[in-house]
């Protein structure tokens, strides 16, 4: 009962905070950066280890510079996500601009569904809202429910505000079946770390043995629906563009694991070009392979 009370209190606090304009929230972000990085050292050991392993060719000075940029961005991201509760359609369209959408729209207009691949890079949550606004089709983001059911219900409502229809990962196939006959968009995160009992495929990613989920590859080969990668580009504080990049247009013709390697390499290249905007505080490499990887 006490836990429920704190959950509802937290939701109320976030809802009130979301009413503030972003310029004020970014002032809070400045304070949050100092607290996260210098005072509490939130997961600094994890971030430093992840960056050092991912970029062994970079010196300590450069690693620390990336680390600080990451924490500055993480602090802003926290308040941008809080702002989602009250952000308007007009503001999302202004701050999160989609480019090169014509090819996806052509598939949808022809009656064919499309698979979207993305990652925890840039503001992926605004990206979810933006997809719902920018394409003329039902959008089904595949997500992993939060462990707190009260927060999960509230956050699901926030993410769905512009027409998105969130689907828990375990219900993906059911949603695909239900959407047959209606052109739809299904979006997947390609950098989710599988649980230990779900480890299927290992590859080298950012210089480290990495387990990768096979969900989008399995569905793409089963349905032969084209895959596009949403590349989020950080422009400046609170502003992004996203490129809709064709990744694999005929999945049924690919070899086993080819699609998984395609989206993994795409993300790897993106991170190497601008490393500060990926979620480095995530414990991405907590599992290690028991067999040699390719």
Protein backbone atom coordinates (compact mmCIF):
# COMPACT_ATOMS: atom_id res chain seq x y z
CA UNK A 1 0.00 0.00 0.00
CA UNK A 2 2.84 2.37 0.89
CA UNK A 3 4.61 1.51 -2.37
CA UNK A 4 1.44 2.30 -4.32
CA UNK A 5 1.14 5.62 -2.54
CA UNK A 6 4.71 6.61 -3.42
CA UNK A 7 4.12 5.55 -7.03
CA UNK A 8 1.04 7.77 -7.39
CA UNK A 9 2.86 10.62 -5.65
CA UNK A 10 5.75 10.26 -8.09
CA UNK A 11 3.37 10.31 -11.05
CA UNK A 12 1.70 13.44 -9.71
CA UNK A 13 5.09 15.12 -9.28
CA UNK A 14 6.17 14.25 -12.83
CA UNK A 15 2.83 15.41 -14.24
CA UNK A 16 3.17 18.80 -12.54
CA UNK A 17 6.81 19.11 -13.59
CA UNK A 18 5.88 18.37 -17.21
CA UNK A 19 3.76 21.54 -17.31
CA UNK A 20 6.87 23.71 -17.05
CA UNK A 21 8.44 25.01 -20.29
CA UNK A 22 11.51 23.17 -21.52
CA UNK A 23 13.85 26.11 -20.91
CA UNK A 24 13.10 25.85 -17.20
CA UNK A 25 13.42 22.07 -17.23
CA UNK A 26 16.85 22.46 -18.82
CA UNK A 27 17.92 24.58 -15.84
CA UNK A 28 16.97 21.60 -13.69
CA UNK A 29 18.96 19.51 -16.16
CA UNK A 30 22.08 21.59 -15.45
CA UNK A 31 21.67 20.88 -11.74
CA UNK A 32 20.94 17.20 -12.39
CA UNK A 33 24.18 16.87 -14.37
CA UNK A 34 26.24 18.08 -11.42
CA UNK A 35 24.39 15.76 -9.04
CA UNK A 36 24.54 12.71 -11.31
CA UNK A 37 28.16 13.07 -12.32
CA UNK A 38 30.02 14.86 -9.53
CA UNK A 39 27.94 14.30 -6.37
CA UNK A 40 26.38 10.84 -6.65
CA UNK A 41 28.54 9.42 -9.43
CA UNK A 42 25.53 7.61 -10.86
CA UNK A 43 26.87 4.44 -12.54
CA UNK A 44 30.12 6.21 -13.37
CA UNK A 45 32.04 2.98 -12.99
CA UNK A 46 29.71 1.27 -15.49
CA UNK A 47 29.92 4.14 -17.97
CA UNK A 48 33.71 4.42 -17.73
CA UNK A 49 34.15 0.67 -18.20
CA UNK A 50 31.73 0.56 -21.15
CA UNK A 51 33.43 3.49 -22.89
CA UNK A 52 36.95 2.19 -22.24
CA UNK A 53 36.09 -1.26 -23.59
CA UNK A 54 34.23 0.14 -26.59
CA UNK A 55 37.02 2.56 -27.56
CA UNK A 56 40.35 1.04 -26.48
CA UNK A 57 42.12 3.20 -29.05
CA UNK A 58 41.05 6.41 -27.29
CA UNK A 59 43.03 7.84 -24.41
CA UNK A 60 41.77 8.56 -20.90
CA UNK A 61 41.34 12.29 -21.58
CA UNK A 62 39.09 11.61 -24.57
CA UNK A 63 37.10 8.93 -22.71
CA UNK A 64 36.42 11.34 -19.83
CA UNK A 65 35.37 14.06 -22.29
CA UNK A 66 32.84 11.69 -23.90
CA UNK A 67 31.71 10.60 -20.43
CA UNK A 68 30.98 14.18 -19.35
CA UNK A 69 29.10 14.93 -22.58
CA UNK A 70 27.07 11.78 -22.01
CA UNK A 71 26.05 12.78 -18.48
CA UNK A 72 25.14 16.29 -19.62
CA UNK A 73 22.94 14.77 -22.29
CA UNK A 74 21.48 12.16 -19.91
CA UNK A 75 20.41 14.92 -17.51
CA UNK A 76 18.63 16.77 -20.34
CA UNK A 77 17.08 13.53 -21.59
CA UNK A 78 15.52 12.82 -18.19
CA UNK A 79 13.62 16.11 -18.29
CA UNK A 80 12.73 15.77 -21.97
CA UNK A 81 11.11 12.42 -21.14
CA UNK A 82 9.25 13.98 -18.19
CA UNK A 83 8.03 16.73 -20.57
CA UNK A 84 6.35 14.07 -22.75
CA UNK A 85 3.31 14.05 -20.47
CA UNK A 86 2.38 17.62 -21.40
CA UNK A 87 4.19 18.24 -24.69
CA UNK A 88 1.98 19.28 -27.58
CA UNK A 89 1.81 17.88 -31.08
CA UNK A 90 3.03 21.23 -32.42
CA UNK A 91 6.11 21.22 -30.21
CA UNK A 92 7.06 17.63 -31.05
CA UNK A 93 6.78 18.39 -34.77
CA UNK A 94 9.00 21.44 -34.32
CA UNK A 95 11.63 19.74 -32.17
CA UNK A 96 11.72 16.27 -33.74
CA UNK A 97 11.79 16.51 -37.54
CA UNK A 98 11.45 13.40 -39.70
CA UNK A 99 13.28 13.29 -43.03
CA UNK A 100 13.18 10.91 -46.02
CA UNK A 101 9.79 9.45 -45.11
CA UNK A 102 8.62 9.07 -48.72
CA UNK A 103 9.73 5.46 -49.20
CA UNK A 104 8.01 4.28 -46.02
CA UNK A 105 4.83 6.12 -46.97
CA UNK A 106 4.93 4.52 -50.43
CA UNK A 107 4.98 1.05 -48.86
CA UNK A 108 2.11 1.95 -46.52
CA UNK A 109 0.02 3.42 -49.35
CA UNK A 110 0.53 0.23 -51.35
CA UNK A 111 -0.93 -1.75 -48.46
CA UNK A 112 2.34 -3.16 -47.12
CA UNK A 113 3.39 -2.97 -43.48
CA UNK A 114 6.86 -1.77 -42.48
CA UNK A 115 9.24 -2.72 -39.67
CA UNK A 116 11.13 0.06 -37.89
CA UNK A 117 14.44 -0.53 -36.16
CA UNK A 118 15.86 1.95 -33.64
CA UNK A 119 17.96 2.08 -30.47
CA UNK A 120 18.38 3.87 -27.15
CA UNK A 121 20.15 6.65 -28.95
CA UNK A 122 19.20 10.32 -28.75
CA UNK A 123 15.69 10.90 -27.48
CA UNK A 124 14.12 7.61 -28.55
CA UNK A 125 10.99 8.40 -26.53
CA UNK A 126 10.25 11.54 -28.55
CA UNK A 127 10.96 9.38 -31.56
CA UNK A 128 8.12 7.05 -30.55
CA UNK A 129 5.75 10.01 -30.31
CA UNK A 130 7.01 11.35 -33.64
CA UNK A 131 6.35 8.12 -35.52
CA UNK A 132 2.73 8.25 -34.42
CA UNK A 133 2.47 11.78 -35.82
CA UNK A 134 4.41 11.44 -39.07
CA UNK A 135 3.02 8.31 -40.72
CA UNK A 136 -0.47 7.52 -41.95
CA UNK A 137 -0.74 4.06 -40.43
CA UNK A 138 -1.20 2.36 -37.09
CA UNK A 139 2.06 2.35 -35.15
CA UNK A 140 2.84 -0.54 -32.79
CA UNK A 141 5.95 0.10 -30.67
CA UNK A 142 7.20 -3.17 -29.16
CA UNK A 143 8.27 -2.49 -25.58
CA UNK A 144 9.39 -4.17 -22.39
CA UNK A 145 6.89 -3.35 -19.57
CA UNK A 146 8.27 -1.66 -16.45
CA UNK A 147 8.47 -3.73 -13.28
CA UNK A 148 6.24 -1.22 -11.44
CA UNK A 149 2.72 -1.74 -12.89
CA UNK A 150 1.49 1.70 -11.78
CA UNK A 151 4.34 3.55 -13.51
CA UNK A 152 4.06 1.19 -16.48
CA UNK A 153 0.38 2.03 -16.95
CA UNK A 154 1.05 5.78 -16.70
CA UNK A 155 4.07 5.72 -19.00
CA UNK A 156 2.20 3.59 -21.52
CA UNK A 157 -0.53 6.24 -21.60
CA UNK A 158 2.06 9.00 -22.13
CA UNK A 159 3.75 7.09 -24.96
CA UNK A 160 0.36 6.47 -26.61
CA UNK A 161 -0.84 10.08 -26.61
CA UNK A 162 -0.46 10.60 -30.38
CA UNK A 163 -2.07 7.36 -31.46
CA UNK A 164 0.66 4.80 -30.76
CA UNK A 165 -0.54 1.33 -29.77
CA UNK A 166 2.12 -0.13 -27.47
CA UNK A 167 2.58 -3.90 -27.55
CA UNK A 168 4.43 -5.88 -24.84
CA UNK A 169 7.25 -7.93 -26.35
CA UNK A 170 5.58 -11.25 -25.57
CA UNK A 171 2.45 -10.22 -27.50
CA UNK A 172 4.24 -9.24 -30.73
CA UNK A 173 3.11 -12.21 -32.83
CA UNK A 174 -0.49 -11.79 -31.69
CA UNK A 175 -0.42 -8.10 -32.69
CA UNK A 176 1.08 -8.97 -36.08
CA UNK A 177 -1.71 -11.46 -36.70
CA UNK A 178 -4.39 -8.99 -35.60
CA UNK A 179 -3.05 -6.25 -37.89
CA UNK A 180 -3.09 -8.36 -41.04
CA UNK A 181 -4.88 -6.64 -43.89
CA UNK A 182 -4.10 -3.17 -42.55
CA UNK A 183 -0.75 -1.51 -43.37
CA UNK A 184 1.02 -0.87 -40.08
CA UNK A 185 4.33 0.15 -38.58
CA UNK A 186 5.98 -2.09 -35.98
CA UNK A 187 9.00 -0.57 -34.24
CA UNK A 188 11.69 -2.52 -32.38
CA UNK A 189 14.65 -1.56 -30.22
CA UNK A 190 17.74 -3.34 -31.51
CA UNK A 191 19.99 -2.75 -28.50
CA UNK A 192 17.89 -4.35 -25.78
CA UNK A 193 19.97 -6.82 -23.81
CA UNK A 194 18.30 -10.26 -23.85
CA UNK A 195 17.77 -11.97 -20.51
CA UNK A 196 20.11 -14.84 -19.70
CA UNK A 197 17.59 -17.50 -20.73
CA UNK A 198 16.95 -15.71 -24.06
CA UNK A 199 20.52 -15.56 -25.34
CA UNK A 200 20.45 -16.67 -28.97
CA UNK A 201 23.09 -14.92 -31.06
CA UNK A 202 26.51 -13.54 -30.18
CA UNK A 203 28.54 -11.09 -32.19
CA UNK A 204 31.24 -8.49 -31.64
CA UNK A 205 29.73 -5.07 -31.01
CA UNK A 206 31.80 -2.07 -29.93
CA UNK A 207 34.83 -4.30 -29.45
CA UNK A 208 33.02 -6.65 -27.05
CA UNK A 209 31.21 -10.02 -27.23
CA UNK A 210 27.53 -9.03 -27.28
CA UNK A 211 24.27 -10.95 -27.24
CA UNK A 212 21.65 -9.63 -29.67
CA UNK A 213 17.92 -10.27 -29.78
CA UNK A 214 16.70 -11.94 -32.94
CA UNK A 215 13.10 -10.71 -32.78
CA UNK A 216 13.12 -8.27 -35.68
CA UNK A 217 15.01 -10.71 -37.94
CA UNK A 218 12.60 -13.56 -37.22
CA UNK A 219 9.56 -11.39 -37.89
CA UNK A 220 11.07 -9.79 -41.00
CA UNK A 221 11.91 -13.14 -42.58
CA UNK A 222 8.49 -14.54 -41.66
CA UNK A 223 6.53 -11.58 -43.09
CA UNK A 224 9.01 -10.26 -45.70
CA UNK A 225 8.17 -6.75 -44.54
CA UNK A 226 10.83 -4.11 -45.37
CA UNK A 227 13.00 -2.80 -42.54
CA UNK A 228 13.98 0.84 -42.06
CA UNK A 229 16.40 2.16 -39.46
CA UNK A 230 15.52 5.44 -37.74
CA UNK A 231 18.76 7.33 -37.33
CA UNK A 232 18.30 10.06 -34.71
CA UNK A 233 20.58 13.07 -35.09
CA UNK A 234 21.14 15.47 -32.21
CA UNK A 235 21.01 19.01 -33.60
CA UNK A 236 21.11 21.12 -30.45
CA UNK A 237 19.52 21.11 -27.02
CA UNK A 238 15.91 19.97 -27.45
CA UNK A 239 16.09 19.63 -31.25
CA UNK A 240 16.57 16.51 -33.37
CA UNK A 241 16.22 15.26 -36.91
CA UNK A 242 15.65 11.62 -37.85
CA UNK A 243 16.59 9.95 -41.12
CA UNK A 244 14.48 7.00 -42.29
CA UNK A 245 17.18 4.76 -43.74
CA UNK A 246 16.26 1.61 -45.74
CA UNK A 247 18.10 -1.26 -44.06
CA UNK A 248 16.69 -4.38 -45.74
CA UNK A 249 13.86 -4.24 -48.27
CA UNK A 250 13.56 -7.97 -49.07
CA UNK A 251 14.17 -9.81 -45.78
CA UNK A 252 13.08 -13.20 -47.13
CA UNK A 253 16.12 -13.22 -49.43
CA UNK A 254 18.66 -12.77 -46.63
CA UNK A 255 20.90 -15.38 -45.01
CA UNK A 256 20.56 -16.42 -41.38
CA UNK A 257 21.69 -13.62 -39.01
CA UNK A 258 22.29 -11.25 -41.94
CA UNK A 259 19.57 -8.83 -40.78
CA UNK A 260 20.83 -8.96 -37.19
CA UNK A 261 24.33 -8.10 -38.37
CA UNK A 262 23.00 -5.30 -40.59
CA UNK A 263 21.21 -3.45 -37.80
CA UNK A 264 24.01 -4.12 -35.30
CA UNK A 265 26.65 -2.66 -37.63
CA UNK A 266 24.41 0.31 -38.43
CA UNK A 267 24.08 1.17 -34.74
CA UNK A 268 27.78 0.59 -34.12
CA UNK A 269 28.73 3.05 -36.87
CA UNK A 270 26.25 5.60 -35.53
CA UNK A 271 27.66 5.35 -32.00
CA UNK A 272 31.27 5.62 -33.17
CA UNK A 273 30.44 8.82 -35.05
CA UNK A 274 28.66 10.50 -32.10
CA UNK A 275 29.17 8.39 -28.94
CA UNK A 276 27.73 10.76 -26.33
CA UNK A 277 24.08 10.11 -27.21
CA UNK A 278 23.85 6.36 -26.60
CA UNK A 279 22.72 4.90 -23.27
CA UNK A 280 26.14 4.08 -21.78
CA UNK A 281 24.82 3.67 -18.23
CA UNK A 282 22.88 0.57 -19.32
CA UNK A 283 24.57 -2.68 -18.23
CA UNK A 284 24.68 -3.91 -21.82
CA UNK A 285 27.49 -6.41 -21.35
CA UNK A 286 26.50 -8.10 -18.08
CA UNK A 287 26.28 -11.52 -19.80
CA UNK A 288 29.27 -13.22 -21.40
CA UNK A 289 29.27 -16.04 -23.98
CA UNK A 290 30.15 -19.58 -23.00
CA UNK A 291 31.34 -20.38 -26.51
CA UNK A 292 33.58 -18.63 -28.98
CA UNK A 293 31.88 -16.01 -31.16
CA UNK A 294 32.45 -15.59 -34.84
